[in-house]
């Protein structure tokens, strides 16, 4: 079972439920206090390199905060990790629409290639 932070609740980074402000474009600039807008204020953002040390050979999914390079982020908020990629992707489907999500395998290239051969 994957470990996941429920980003649709105020419990993990915001002061309100995402979308409760009534904005159709809830996101980093809407000011509603949703988890996406509140990641930094709640200290949920950390260096990705530090997270990678804790979860070797697992699939990781991060929500990337505003201002970070979404293709090569240096920091983010870990929302799900698991050795099973299907569990991670299933959990990612539950993340609210307005968030930039970065998902990848945190292991050796040979292990990833072996996975890719079986997944094809």
PDB file of N, CA and C in Angstrom:
ATOM      1  N   UNK A   1       0.843  -1.183   0.000  1.00  0.00           N
ATOM      2  CA  UNK A   1       0.000   0.000   0.000  1.00  0.00           C
ATOM      3  C   UNK A   1       0.881   1.237   0.000  1.00  0.00           C
ATOM      4  N   UNK A   2       0.618   2.188  -0.883  1.00  0.00           N
ATOM      5  CA  UNK A   2       1.458   3.381  -0.931  1.00  0.00           C
ATOM      6  C   UNK A   2       1.191   4.307   0.247  1.00  0.00           C
ATOM      7  N   UNK A   3       2.174   5.103   0.546  1.00  0.00           N
ATOM      8  CA  UNK A   3       2.029   6.136   1.558  1.00  0.00           C
ATOM      9  C   UNK A   3       1.652   7.408   0.818  1.00  0.00           C
ATOM     10  N   UNK A   4       0.574   8.041   1.219  1.00  0.00           N
ATOM     11  CA  UNK A   4       0.131   9.227   0.490  1.00  0.00           C
ATOM     12  C   UNK A   4      -0.339  10.323   1.423  1.00  0.00           C
ATOM     13  N   UNK A   5      -0.021  11.537   1.040  1.00  0.00           N
ATOM     14  CA  UNK A   5      -0.546  12.704   1.730  1.00  0.00           C
ATOM     15  C   UNK A   5      -1.805  13.129   0.982  1.00  0.00           C
ATOM     16  N   UNK A   6      -2.888  13.289   1.679  1.00  0.00           N
ATOM     17  CA  UNK A   6      -4.145  13.698   1.054  1.00  0.00           C
ATOM     18  C   UNK A   6      -4.125  15.199   0.819  1.00  0.00           C
ATOM     19  N   UNK A   7      -3.823  15.594  -0.406  1.00  0.00           N
ATOM     20  CA  UNK A   7      -3.681  17.015  -0.705  1.00  0.00           C
ATOM     21  C   UNK A   7      -4.994  17.744  -0.859  1.00  0.00           C
ATOM     22  N   UNK A   8      -6.088  17.034  -0.809  1.00  0.00           N
ATOM     23  CA  UNK A   8      -7.365  17.724  -0.941  1.00  0.00           C
ATOM     24  C   UNK A   8      -7.857  18.246   0.398  1.00  0.00           C
ATOM     25  N   UNK A   9      -7.085  18.054   1.447  1.00  0.00           N
ATOM     26  CA  UNK A   9      -7.514  18.534   2.759  1.00  0.00           C
ATOM     27  C   UNK A   9      -6.600  19.651   3.247  1.00  0.00           C
ATOM     28  N   UNK A  10      -7.117  20.466   4.107  1.00  0.00           N
ATOM     29  CA  UNK A  10      -6.323  21.546   4.688  1.00  0.00           C
ATOM     30  C   UNK A  10      -5.279  21.009   5.646  1.00  0.00           C
ATOM     31  N   UNK A  11      -5.449  19.772   6.079  1.00  0.00           N
ATOM     32  CA  UNK A  11      -4.553  19.164   7.061  1.00  0.00           C
ATOM     33  C   UNK A  11      -3.095  19.140   6.611  1.00  0.00           C
ATOM     34  N   UNK A  12      -2.857  19.075   5.321  1.00  0.00           N
ATOM     35  CA  UNK A  12      -1.497  18.917   4.818  1.00  0.00           C
ATOM     36  C   UNK A  12      -1.036  20.088   3.979  1.00  0.00           C
ATOM     37  N   UNK A  13      -1.043  21.267   4.524  1.00  0.00           N
ATOM     38  CA  UNK A  13      -0.376  22.369   3.857  1.00  0.00           C
ATOM     39  C   UNK A  13      -1.181  23.622   3.621  1.00  0.00           C
ATOM     40  N   UNK A  14      -2.460  23.588   3.757  1.00  0.00           N
ATOM     41  CA  UNK A  14      -3.252  24.787   3.504  1.00  0.00           C
ATOM     42  C   UNK A  14      -4.113  25.152   4.693  1.00  0.00           C
ATOM     43  N   UNK A  15      -4.948  26.138   4.491  1.00  0.00           N
ATOM     44  CA  UNK A  15      -5.869  26.551   5.548  1.00  0.00           C
ATOM     45  C   UNK A  15      -7.303  26.278   5.156  1.00  0.00           C
ATOM     46  N   UNK A  16      -7.496  25.743   3.945  1.00  0.00           N
ATOM     47  CA  UNK A  16      -8.837  25.420   3.476  1.00  0.00           C
ATOM     48  C   UNK A  16      -8.758  24.264   2.492  1.00  0.00           C
ATOM     49  N   UNK A  17      -9.890  23.702   2.151  1.00  0.00           N
ATOM     50  CA  UNK A  17      -9.939  22.649   1.163  1.00  0.00           C
ATOM     51  C   UNK A  17      -9.770  23.269  -0.216  1.00  0.00           C
ATOM     52  N   UNK A  18      -8.944  22.647  -1.053  1.00  0.00           N
ATOM     53  CA  UNK A  18      -8.690  23.173  -2.386  1.00  0.00           C
ATOM     54  C   UNK A  18     -10.002  23.327  -3.147  1.00  0.00           C
ATOM     55  N   UNK A  19     -10.196  24.486  -3.722  1.00  0.00           N
ATOM     56  CA  UNK A  19     -11.405  24.768  -4.485  1.00  0.00           C
ATOM     57  C   UNK A  19     -12.507  25.397  -3.661  1.00  0.00           C
ATOM     58  N   UNK A  20     -12.337  25.452  -2.349  1.00  0.00           N
ATOM     59  CA  UNK A  20     -13.398  25.994  -1.501  1.00  0.00           C
ATOM     60  C   UNK A  20     -13.555  27.504  -1.666  1.00  0.00           C
ATOM     61  N   UNK A  21     -12.566  28.128  -2.280  1.00  0.00           N
ATOM     62  CA  UNK A  21     -12.665  29.572  -2.506  1.00  0.00           C
ATOM     63  C   UNK A  21     -13.623  29.883  -3.651  1.00  0.00           C
ATOM     64  N   UNK A  22     -14.018  28.838  -4.405  1.00  0.00           N
ATOM     65  CA  UNK A  22     -14.938  29.031  -5.519  1.00  0.00           C
ATOM     66  C   UNK A  22     -14.250  29.348  -6.824  1.00  0.00           C
ATOM     67  N   UNK A  23     -12.938  29.451  -6.799  1.00  0.00           N
ATOM     68  CA  UNK A  23     -12.194  29.757  -8.007  1.00  0.00           C
ATOM     69  C   UNK A  23     -12.080  28.520  -8.886  1.00  0.00           C
ATOM     70  N   UNK A  24     -12.320  28.693 -10.173  1.00  0.00           N
ATOM     71  CA  UNK A  24     -12.171  27.579 -11.115  1.00  0.00           C
ATOM     72  C   UNK A  24     -10.697  27.338 -11.422  1.00  0.00           C
ATOM     73  N   UNK A  25      -9.851  28.294 -11.105  1.00  0.00           N
ATOM     74  CA  UNK A  25      -8.423  28.151 -11.395  1.00  0.00           C
ATOM     75  C   UNK A  25      -7.607  28.186 -10.116  1.00  0.00           C
ATOM     76  N   UNK A  26      -8.047  27.450  -9.125  1.00  0.00           N
ATOM     77  CA  UNK A  26      -7.344  27.383  -7.849  1.00  0.00           C
ATOM     78  C   UNK A  26      -5.896  26.979  -8.103  1.00  0.00           C
ATOM     79  N   UNK A  27      -4.972  27.678  -7.519  1.00  0.00           N
ATOM     80  CA  UNK A  27      -3.572  27.377  -7.730  1.00  0.00           C
ATOM     81  C   UNK A  27      -2.675  28.301  -6.947  1.00  0.00           C
ATOM     82  N   UNK A  28      -1.423  28.419  -7.355  1.00  0.00           N
ATOM     83  CA  UNK A  28      -0.453  29.149  -6.541  1.00  0.00           C
ATOM     84  C   UNK A  28      -0.744  30.624  -6.358  1.00  0.00           C
ATOM     85  N   UNK A  29      -1.556  31.217  -7.222  1.00  0.00           N
ATOM     86  CA  UNK A  29      -1.817  32.650  -7.118  1.00  0.00           C
ATOM     87  C   UNK A  29      -3.222  33.008  -6.661  1.00  0.00           C
ATOM     88  N   UNK A  30      -4.052  32.018  -6.318  1.00  0.00           N
ATOM     89  CA  UNK A  30      -5.447  32.347  -6.017  1.00  0.00           C
ATOM     90  C   UNK A  30      -5.642  32.855  -4.591  1.00  0.00           C
ATOM     91  N   UNK A  31      -4.710  32.566  -3.691  1.00  0.00           N
ATOM     92  CA  UNK A  31      -4.800  33.084  -2.336  1.00  0.00           C
ATOM     93  C   UNK A  31      -5.847  32.421  -1.460  1.00  0.00           C
ATOM     94  N   UNK A  32      -6.331  31.242  -1.843  1.00  0.00           N
ATOM     95  CA  UNK A  32      -7.391  30.599  -1.065  1.00  0.00           C
ATOM     96  C   UNK A  32      -6.857  29.828   0.138  1.00  0.00           C
ATOM     97  N   UNK A  33      -5.547  29.601   0.185  1.00  0.00           N
ATOM     98  CA  UNK A  33      -4.994  28.848   1.301  1.00  0.00           C
ATOM     99  C   UNK A  33      -5.040  27.351   1.094  1.00  0.00           C
ATOM    100  N   UNK A  34      -5.246  26.902  -0.134  1.00  0.00           N
ATOM    101  CA  UNK A  34      -5.283  25.458  -0.395  1.00  0.00           C
ATOM    102  C   UNK A  34      -3.887  24.862  -0.210  1.00  0.00           C
ATOM    103  N   UNK A  35      -3.773  23.537  -0.140  1.00  0.00           N
ATOM    104  CA  UNK A  35      -2.463  22.919   0.087  1.00  0.00           C
ATOM    105  C   UNK A  35      -1.407  23.323  -0.933  1.00  0.00           C
ATOM    106  N   UNK A  36      -1.779  23.492  -2.198  1.00  0.00           N
ATOM    107  CA  UNK A  36      -0.797  23.872  -3.207  1.00  0.00           C
ATOM    108  C   UNK A  36      -0.201  25.234  -2.900  1.00  0.00           C
ATOM    109  N   UNK A  37      -1.046  26.151  -2.509  1.00  0.00           N
ATOM    110  CA  UNK A  37      -0.574  27.494  -2.203  1.00  0.00           C
ATOM    111  C   UNK A  37       0.157  27.554  -0.862  1.00  0.00           C
ATOM    112  N   UNK A  38      -0.091  26.596   0.031  1.00  0.00           N
ATOM    113  CA  UNK A  38       0.469  26.650   1.378  1.00  0.00           C
ATOM    114  C   UNK A  38       1.636  25.721   1.654  1.00  0.00           C
ATOM    115  N   UNK A  39       2.208  25.098   0.631  1.00  0.00           N
ATOM    116  CA  UNK A  39       3.294  24.135   0.843  1.00  0.00           C
ATOM    117  C   UNK A  39       4.475  24.718   1.591  1.00  0.00           C
ATOM    118  N   UNK A  40       4.951  25.869   1.147  1.00  0.00           N
ATOM    119  CA  UNK A  40       6.125  26.475   1.775  1.00  0.00           C
ATOM    120  C   UNK A  40       5.821  26.940   3.191  1.00  0.00           C
ATOM    121  N   UNK A  41       4.669  27.578   3.376  1.00  0.00           N
ATOM    122  CA  UNK A  41       4.327  28.118   4.683  1.00  0.00           C
ATOM    123  C   UNK A  41       4.205  27.021   5.728  1.00  0.00           C
ATOM    124  N   UNK A  42       3.792  25.835   5.329  1.00  0.00           N
ATOM    125  CA  UNK A  42       3.614  24.741   6.292  1.00  0.00           C
ATOM    126  C   UNK A  42       4.840  23.850   6.391  1.00  0.00           C
ATOM    127  N   UNK A  43       5.933  24.248   5.745  1.00  0.00           N
ATOM    128  CA  UNK A  43       7.202  23.515   5.781  1.00  0.00           C
ATOM    129  C   UNK A  43       7.082  22.090   5.254  1.00  0.00           C
ATOM    130  N   UNK A  44       6.245  21.876   4.251  1.00  0.00           N
ATOM    131  CA  UNK A  44       6.100  20.554   3.643  1.00  0.00           C
ATOM    132  C   UNK A  44       7.080  20.356   2.492  1.00  0.00           C
ATOM    133  N   UNK A  45       7.729  21.419   2.036  1.00  0.00           N
ATOM    134  CA  UNK A  45       8.666  21.356   0.929  1.00  0.00           C
ATOM    135  C   UNK A  45      10.046  21.031   1.477  1.00  0.00           C
ATOM    136  N   UNK A  46      10.736  20.091   0.822  1.00  0.00           N
ATOM    137  CA  UNK A  46      12.088  19.744   1.238  1.00  0.00           C
ATOM    138  C   UNK A  46      12.921  19.394   0.011  1.00  0.00           C
ATOM    139  N   UNK A  47      14.244  19.393   0.153  1.00  0.00           N
ATOM    140  CA  UNK A  47      15.095  19.039  -0.983  1.00  0.00           C
ATOM    141  C   UNK A  47      14.812  17.605  -1.456  1.00  0.00           C
ATOM    142  N   UNK A  48      14.648  17.439  -2.751  1.00  0.00           N
ATOM    143  CA  UNK A  48      14.346  16.125  -3.302  1.00  0.00           C
ATOM    144  C   UNK A  48      15.492  15.147  -3.042  1.00  0.00           C
ATOM    145  N   UNK A  49      16.725  15.620  -3.088  1.00  0.00           N
ATOM    146  CA  UNK A  49      17.876  14.746  -2.833  1.00  0.00           C
ATOM    147  C   UNK A  49      17.796  14.112  -1.441  1.00  0.00           C
ATOM    148  N   UNK A  50      17.303  14.844  -0.470  1.00  0.00           N
ATOM    149  CA  UNK A  50      17.165  14.312   0.884  1.00  0.00           C
ATOM    150  C   UNK A  50      16.093  13.214   0.935  1.00  0.00           C
ATOM    151  N   UNK A  51      15.001  13.434   0.234  1.00  0.00           N
ATOM    152  CA  UNK A  51      13.926  12.436   0.187  1.00  0.00           C
ATOM    153  C   UNK A  51      14.411  11.172  -0.513  1.00  0.00           C
ATOM    154  N   UNK A  52      15.168  11.340  -1.584  1.00  0.00           N
ATOM    155  CA  UNK A  52      15.680  10.185  -2.330  1.00  0.00           C
ATOM    156  C   UNK A  52      16.533   9.277  -1.449  1.00  0.00           C
ATOM    157  N   UNK A  53      17.265   9.842  -0.506  1.00  0.00           N
ATOM    158  CA  UNK A  53      18.079   9.040   0.405  1.00  0.00           C
ATOM    159  C   UNK A  53      17.221   8.158   1.304  1.00  0.00           C
ATOM    160  N   UNK A  54      16.032   8.622   1.644  1.00  0.00           N
ATOM    161  CA  UNK A  54      15.148   7.861   2.532  1.00  0.00           C
ATOM    162  C   UNK A  54      14.424   6.723   1.814  1.00  0.00           C
ATOM    163  N   UNK A  55      14.200   6.852   0.508  1.00  0.00           N
ATOM    164  CA  UNK A  55      13.380   5.879  -0.224  1.00  0.00           C
ATOM    165  C   UNK A  55      14.091   5.359  -1.478  1.00  0.00           C
ATOM    166  N   UNK A  56      15.220   4.652  -1.308  1.00  0.00           N
ATOM    167  CA  UNK A  56      15.902   4.109  -2.490  1.00  0.00           C
ATOM    168  C   UNK A  56      15.065   2.997  -3.129  1.00  0.00           C
ATOM    169  N   UNK A  57      15.202   2.874  -4.434  1.00  0.00           N
ATOM    170  CA  UNK A  57      14.527   1.822  -5.202  1.00  0.00           C
ATOM    171  C   UNK A  57      13.009   1.845  -5.056  1.00  0.00           C
ATOM    172  N   UNK A  58      12.452   3.026  -4.919  1.00  0.00           N
ATOM    173  CA  UNK A  58      10.998   3.180  -4.872  1.00  0.00           C
ATOM    174  C   UNK A  58      10.571   4.220  -5.903  1.00  0.00           C
ATOM    175  N   UNK A  59       9.310   4.142  -6.258  1.00  0.00           N
ATOM    176  CA  UNK A  59       8.697   5.170  -7.096  1.00  0.00           C
ATOM    177  C   UNK A  59       8.295   6.321  -6.183  1.00  0.00           C
ATOM    178  N   UNK A  60       8.613   7.539  -6.595  1.00  0.00           N
ATOM    179  CA  UNK A  60       8.322   8.733  -5.799  1.00  0.00           C
ATOM    180  C   UNK A  60       7.443   9.684  -6.603  1.00  0.00           C
ATOM    181  N   UNK A  61       6.520  10.332  -5.929  1.00  0.00           N
ATOM    182  CA  UNK A  61       5.700  11.364  -6.552  1.00  0.00           C
ATOM    183  C   UNK A  61       5.754  12.602  -5.669  1.00  0.00           C
ATOM    184  N   UNK A  62       6.125  13.706  -6.278  1.00  0.00           N
ATOM    185  CA  UNK A  62       6.223  14.989  -5.598  1.00  0.00           C
ATOM    186  C   UNK A  62       5.244  15.979  -6.215  1.00  0.00           C
ATOM    187  N   UNK A  63       4.695  16.842  -5.392  1.00  0.00           N
ATOM    188  CA  UNK A  63       4.025  18.039  -5.897  1.00  0.00           C
ATOM    189  C   UNK A  63       5.105  19.113  -5.894  1.00  0.00           C
ATOM    190  N   UNK A  64       5.225  19.774  -7.022  1.00  0.00           N
ATOM    191  CA  UNK A  64       6.281  20.768  -7.204  1.00  0.00           C
ATOM    192  C   UNK A  64       5.728  22.157  -6.880  1.00  0.00           C
ATOM    193  N   UNK A  65       6.409  22.881  -5.992  1.00  0.00           N
ATOM    194  CA  UNK A  65       5.904  24.202  -5.600  1.00  0.00           C
ATOM    195  C   UNK A  65       6.087  25.235  -6.703  1.00  0.00           C
ATOM    196  N   UNK A  66       5.334  26.312  -6.617  1.00  0.00           N
ATOM    197  CA  UNK A  66       5.468  27.392  -7.592  1.00  0.00           C
ATOM    198  C   UNK A  66       6.912  27.889  -7.646  1.00  0.00           C
ATOM    199  N   UNK A  67       7.388  28.157  -8.855  1.00  0.00           N
ATOM    200  CA  UNK A  67       8.733  28.690  -9.029  1.00  0.00           C
ATOM    201  C   UNK A  67       9.795  27.641  -9.293  1.00  0.00           C
ATOM    202  N   UNK A  68       9.505  26.381  -9.039  1.00  0.00           N
ATOM    203  CA  UNK A  68      10.466  25.305  -9.303  1.00  0.00           C
ATOM    204  C   UNK A  68      10.370  24.863 -10.759  1.00  0.00           C
ATOM    205  N   UNK A  69      11.468  24.370 -11.301  1.00  0.00           N
ATOM    206  CA  UNK A  69      11.477  23.796 -12.643  1.00  0.00           C
ATOM    207  C   UNK A  69      10.710  22.480 -12.579  1.00  0.00           C
ATOM    208  N   UNK A  70       9.581  22.391 -13.261  1.00  0.00           N
ATOM    209  CA  UNK A  70       8.749  21.203 -13.155  1.00  0.00           C
ATOM    210  C   UNK A  70       9.368  19.977 -13.811  1.00  0.00           C
ATOM    211  N   UNK A  71      10.389  20.158 -14.664  1.00  0.00           N
ATOM    212  CA  UNK A  71      11.043  19.027 -15.318  1.00  0.00           C
ATOM    213  C   UNK A  71      12.284  18.549 -14.569  1.00  0.00           C
ATOM    214  N   UNK A  72      12.888  19.419 -13.792  1.00  0.00           N
ATOM    215  CA  UNK A  72      14.064  19.055 -12.996  1.00  0.00           C
ATOM    216  C   UNK A  72      14.037  19.832 -11.672  1.00  0.00           C
ATOM    217  N   UNK A  73      13.062  19.531 -10.831  1.00  0.00           N
ATOM    218  CA  UNK A  73      12.932  20.286  -9.574  1.00  0.00           C
ATOM    219  C   UNK A  73      14.017  19.918  -8.574  1.00  0.00           C
ATOM    220  N   UNK A  74      14.388  20.872  -7.760  1.00  0.00           N
ATOM    221  CA  UNK A  74      15.346  20.633  -6.685  1.00  0.00           C
ATOM    222  C   UNK A  74      14.650  20.399  -5.356  1.00  0.00           C
ATOM    223  N   UNK A  75      13.422  20.868  -5.236  1.00  0.00           N
ATOM    224  CA  UNK A  75      12.661  20.665  -4.006  1.00  0.00           C
ATOM    225  C   UNK A  75      11.200  20.422  -4.336  1.00  0.00           C
ATOM    226  N   UNK A  76      10.514  19.787  -3.414  1.00  0.00           N
ATOM    227  CA  UNK A  76       9.108  19.483  -3.616  1.00  0.00           C
ATOM    228  C   UNK A  76       8.511  18.901  -2.347  1.00  0.00           C
ATOM    229  N   UNK A  77       7.254  18.530  -2.439  1.00  0.00           N
ATOM    230  CA  UNK A  77       6.557  17.919  -1.313  1.00  0.00           C
ATOM    231  C   UNK A  77       6.217  16.482  -1.705  1.00  0.00           C
ATOM    232  N   UNK A  78       6.831  15.519  -1.024  1.00  0.00           N
ATOM    233  CA  UNK A  78       6.558  14.114  -1.297  1.00  0.00           C
ATOM    234  C   UNK A  78       5.113  13.810  -0.939  1.00  0.00           C
ATOM    235  N   UNK A  79       4.367  13.251  -1.897  1.00  0.00           N
ATOM    236  CA  UNK A  79       2.971  12.937  -1.635  1.00  0.00           C
ATOM    237  C   UNK A  79       2.696  11.439  -1.648  1.00  0.00           C
ATOM    238  N   UNK A  80       3.546  10.660  -2.326  1.00  0.00           N
ATOM    239  CA  UNK A  80       3.358   9.214  -2.328  1.00  0.00           C
ATOM    240  C   UNK A  80       4.672   8.541  -2.698  1.00  0.00           C
ATOM    241  N   UNK A  81       4.927   7.377  -2.070  1.00  0.00           N
ATOM    242  CA  UNK A  81       6.081   6.562  -2.440  1.00  0.00           C
ATOM    243  C   UNK A  81       5.722   5.102  -2.249  1.00  0.00           C
ATOM    244  N   UNK A  82       6.264   4.269  -3.127  1.00  0.00           N
ATOM    245  CA  UNK A  82       6.002   2.836  -3.047  1.00  0.00           C
ATOM    246  C   UNK A  82       6.967   2.109  -3.971  1.00  0.00           C
ATOM    247  N   UNK A  83       7.224   0.853  -3.684  1.00  0.00           N
ATOM    248  CA  UNK A  83       8.018   0.013  -4.580  1.00  0.00           C
ATOM    249  C   UNK A  83       7.195  -0.391  -5.803  1.00  0.00           C
ATOM    250  N   UNK A  84       5.883  -0.251  -5.717  1.00  0.00           N
ATOM    251  CA  UNK A  84       4.968  -0.650  -6.782  1.00  0.00           C
ATOM    252  C   UNK A  84       4.515   0.579  -7.563  1.00  0.00           C
ATOM    253  N   UNK A  85       4.898   0.647  -8.842  1.00  0.00           N
ATOM    254  CA  UNK A  85       4.555   1.826  -9.645  1.00  0.00           C
ATOM    255  C   UNK A  85       3.051   1.980  -9.829  1.00  0.00           C
ATOM    256  N   UNK A  86       2.320   0.888  -9.929  1.00  0.00           N
ATOM    257  CA  UNK A  86       0.865   0.975 -10.127  1.00  0.00           C
ATOM    258  C   UNK A  86       0.193   1.648  -8.933  1.00  0.00           C
ATOM    259  N   UNK A  87       0.684   1.369  -7.737  1.00  0.00           N
ATOM    260  CA  UNK A  87       0.130   2.012  -6.543  1.00  0.00           C
ATOM    261  C   UNK A  87       0.384   3.511  -6.563  1.00  0.00           C
ATOM    262  N   UNK A  88       1.573   3.906  -6.998  1.00  0.00           N
ATOM    263  CA  UNK A  88       1.903   5.329  -7.045  1.00  0.00           C
ATOM    264  C   UNK A  88       1.030   6.039  -8.072  1.00  0.00           C
ATOM    265  N   UNK A  89       0.900   5.447  -9.257  1.00  0.00           N
ATOM    266  CA  UNK A  89       0.087   6.093 -10.291  1.00  0.00           C
ATOM    267  C   UNK A  89      -1.390   6.155  -9.888  1.00  0.00           C
ATOM    268  N   UNK A  90      -1.870   5.131  -9.190  1.00  0.00           N
ATOM    269  CA  UNK A  90      -3.260   5.163  -8.723  1.00  0.00           C
ATOM    270  C   UNK A  90      -3.449   6.289  -7.710  1.00  0.00           C
ATOM    271  N   UNK A  91      -2.478   6.472  -6.835  1.00  0.00           N
ATOM    272  CA  UNK A  91      -2.562   7.544  -5.845  1.00  0.00           C
ATOM    273  C   UNK A  91      -2.467   8.914  -6.512  1.00  0.00           C
ATOM    274  N   UNK A  92      -1.609   9.038  -7.514  1.00  0.00           N
ATOM    275  CA  UNK A  92      -1.441  10.313  -8.214  1.00  0.00           C
ATOM    276  C   UNK A  92      -2.750  10.745  -8.882  1.00  0.00           C
ATOM    277  N   UNK A  93      -3.540   9.805  -9.315  1.00  0.00           N
ATOM    278  CA  UNK A  93      -4.821  10.130  -9.949  1.00  0.00           C
ATOM    279  C   UNK A  93      -5.774  10.846  -8.989  1.00  0.00           C
ATOM    280  N   UNK A  94      -5.524  10.722  -7.683  1.00  0.00           N
ATOM    281  CA  UNK A  94      -6.390  11.354  -6.682  1.00  0.00           C
ATOM    282  C   UNK A  94      -5.946  12.761  -6.307  1.00  0.00           C
ATOM    283  N   UNK A  95      -4.796  13.203  -6.824  1.00  0.00           N
ATOM    284  CA  UNK A  95      -4.286  14.539  -6.511  1.00  0.00           C
ATOM    285  C   UNK A  95      -5.096  15.575  -7.281  1.00  0.00           C
ATOM    286  N   UNK A  96      -5.370  16.680  -6.657  1.00  0.00           N
ATOM    287  CA  UNK A  96      -6.206  17.704  -7.286  1.00  0.00           C
ATOM    288  C   UNK A  96      -5.582  18.230  -8.570  1.00  0.00           C
ATOM    289  N   UNK A  97      -6.429  18.710  -9.453  1.00  0.00           N
ATOM    290  CA  UNK A  97      -6.068  19.072 -10.823  1.00  0.00           C
ATOM    291  C   UNK A  97      -5.054  20.206 -10.937  1.00  0.00           C
ATOM    292  N   UNK A  98      -4.939  21.052  -9.969  1.00  0.00           N
ATOM    293  CA  UNK A  98      -4.143  22.266 -10.115  1.00  0.00           C
ATOM    294  C   UNK A  98      -2.683  22.106  -9.705  1.00  0.00           C
ATOM    295  N   UNK A  99      -2.238  20.898  -9.445  1.00  0.00           N
ATOM    296  CA  UNK A  99      -0.898  20.719  -8.923  1.00  0.00           C
ATOM    297  C   UNK A  99       0.040  20.099  -9.946  1.00  0.00           C
ATOM    298  N   UNK A 100       1.272  20.578  -9.958  1.00  0.00           N
ATOM    299  CA  UNK A 100       2.301  20.028 -10.828  1.00  0.00           C
ATOM    300  C   UNK A 100       2.909  18.836 -10.095  1.00  0.00           C
ATOM    301  N   UNK A 101       2.838  17.660 -10.715  1.00  0.00           N
ATOM    302  CA  UNK A 101       3.294  16.425 -10.076  1.00  0.00           C
ATOM    303  C   UNK A 101       4.482  15.860 -10.852  1.00  0.00           C
ATOM    304  N   UNK A 102       5.497  15.441 -10.134  1.00  0.00           N
ATOM    305  CA  UNK A 102       6.714  14.855 -10.704  1.00  0.00           C
ATOM    306  C   UNK A 102       6.827  13.432 -10.176  1.00  0.00           C
ATOM    307  N   UNK A 103       6.794  12.428 -11.082  1.00  0.00           N
ATOM    308  CA  UNK A 103       6.830  11.018 -10.684  1.00  0.00           C
ATOM    309  C   UNK A 103       8.006  10.350 -11.379  1.00  0.00           C
ATOM    310  N   UNK A 104       8.763   9.543 -10.627  1.00  0.00           N
ATOM    311  CA  UNK A 104       9.887   8.824 -11.223  1.00  0.00           C
ATOM    312  C   UNK A 104      10.338   7.680 -10.318  1.00  0.00           C
ATOM    313  N   UNK A 105      11.167   6.802 -10.903  1.00  0.00           N
ATOM    314  CA  UNK A 105      11.750   5.690 -10.152  1.00  0.00           C
ATOM    315  C   UNK A 105      13.080   6.143  -9.577  1.00  0.00           C
ATOM    316  N   UNK A 106      13.260   5.988  -8.287  1.00  0.00           N
ATOM    317  CA  UNK A 106      14.458   6.420  -7.576  1.00  0.00           C
ATOM    318  C   UNK A 106      15.370   5.210  -7.351  1.00  0.00           C
ATOM    319  N   UNK A 107      15.943   4.708  -8.450  1.00  0.00           N
ATOM    320  CA  UNK A 107      16.812   3.537  -8.339  1.00  0.00           C
ATOM    321  C   UNK A 107      17.781   3.478  -9.497  1.00  0.00           C
ATOM    322  N   UNK A 108      18.410   2.330  -9.625  1.00  0.00           N
ATOM    323  CA  UNK A 108      19.398   2.106 -10.669  1.00  0.00           C
ATOM    324  C   UNK A 108      18.741   2.000 -12.046  1.00  0.00           C
ATOM    325  N   UNK A 109      19.442   2.468 -13.050  1.00  0.00           N
ATOM    326  CA  UNK A 109      18.933   2.419 -14.415  1.00  0.00           C
ATOM    327  C   UNK A 109      18.621   0.987 -14.838  1.00  0.00           C
ATOM    328  N   UNK A 110      19.473   0.035 -14.473  1.00  0.00           N
ATOM    329  CA  UNK A 110      19.229  -1.366 -14.841  1.00  0.00           C
ATOM    330  C   UNK A 110      17.909  -1.874 -14.266  1.00  0.00           C
ATOM    331  N   UNK A 111      17.606  -1.485 -13.033  1.00  0.00           N
ATOM    332  CA  UNK A 111      16.338  -1.889 -12.418  1.00  0.00           C
ATOM    333  C   UNK A 111      15.160  -1.262 -13.153  1.00  0.00           C
ATOM    334  N   UNK A 112      15.313   0.007 -13.554  1.00  0.00           N
ATOM    335  CA  UNK A 112      14.251   0.679 -14.302  1.00  0.00           C
ATOM    336  C   UNK A 112      14.043   0.013 -15.665  1.00  0.00           C
ATOM    337  N   UNK A 113      15.136  -0.309 -16.338  1.00  0.00           N
ATOM    338  CA  UNK A 113      15.033  -0.947 -17.654  1.00  0.00           C
ATOM    339  C   UNK A 113      14.388  -2.328 -17.558  1.00  0.00           C
ATOM    340  N   UNK A 114      14.707  -3.058 -16.493  1.00  0.00           N
ATOM    341  CA  UNK A 114      14.062  -4.370 -16.279  1.00  0.00           C
ATOM    342  C   UNK A 114      12.571  -4.181 -16.078  1.00  0.00           C
ATOM    343  N   UNK A 115      12.185  -3.156 -15.309  1.00  0.00           N
ATOM    344  CA  UNK A 115      10.767  -2.848 -15.126  1.00  0.00           C
ATOM    345  C   UNK A 115      10.112  -2.496 -16.459  1.00  0.00           C
ATOM    346  N   UNK A 116      10.797  -1.673 -17.259  1.00  0.00           N
ATOM    347  CA  UNK A 116      10.253  -1.229 -18.551  1.00  0.00           C
ATOM    348  C   UNK A 116      10.029  -2.417 -19.483  1.00  0.00           C
ATOM    349  N   UNK A 117      10.923  -3.399 -19.435  1.00  0.00           N
ATOM    350  CA  UNK A 117      10.755  -4.595 -20.270  1.00  0.00           C
ATOM    351  C   UNK A 117       9.524  -5.389 -19.871  1.00  0.00           C
ATOM    352  N   UNK A 118       9.243  -5.463 -18.587  1.00  0.00           N
ATOM    353  CA  UNK A 118       8.069  -6.229 -18.126  1.00  0.00           C
ATOM    354  C   UNK A 118       6.785  -5.438 -18.276  1.00  0.00           C
ATOM    355  N   UNK A 119       6.875  -4.110 -18.264  1.00  0.00           N
ATOM    356  CA  UNK A 119       5.687  -3.269 -18.363  1.00  0.00           C
ATOM    357  C   UNK A 119       5.206  -3.128 -19.807  1.00  0.00           C
ATOM    358  N   UNK A 120       6.065  -3.400 -20.745  1.00  0.00           N
ATOM    359  CA  UNK A 120       5.701  -3.218 -22.167  1.00  0.00           C
ATOM    360  C   UNK A 120       4.791  -4.281 -22.687  1.00  0.00           C
TER     361      UNK A 120
END
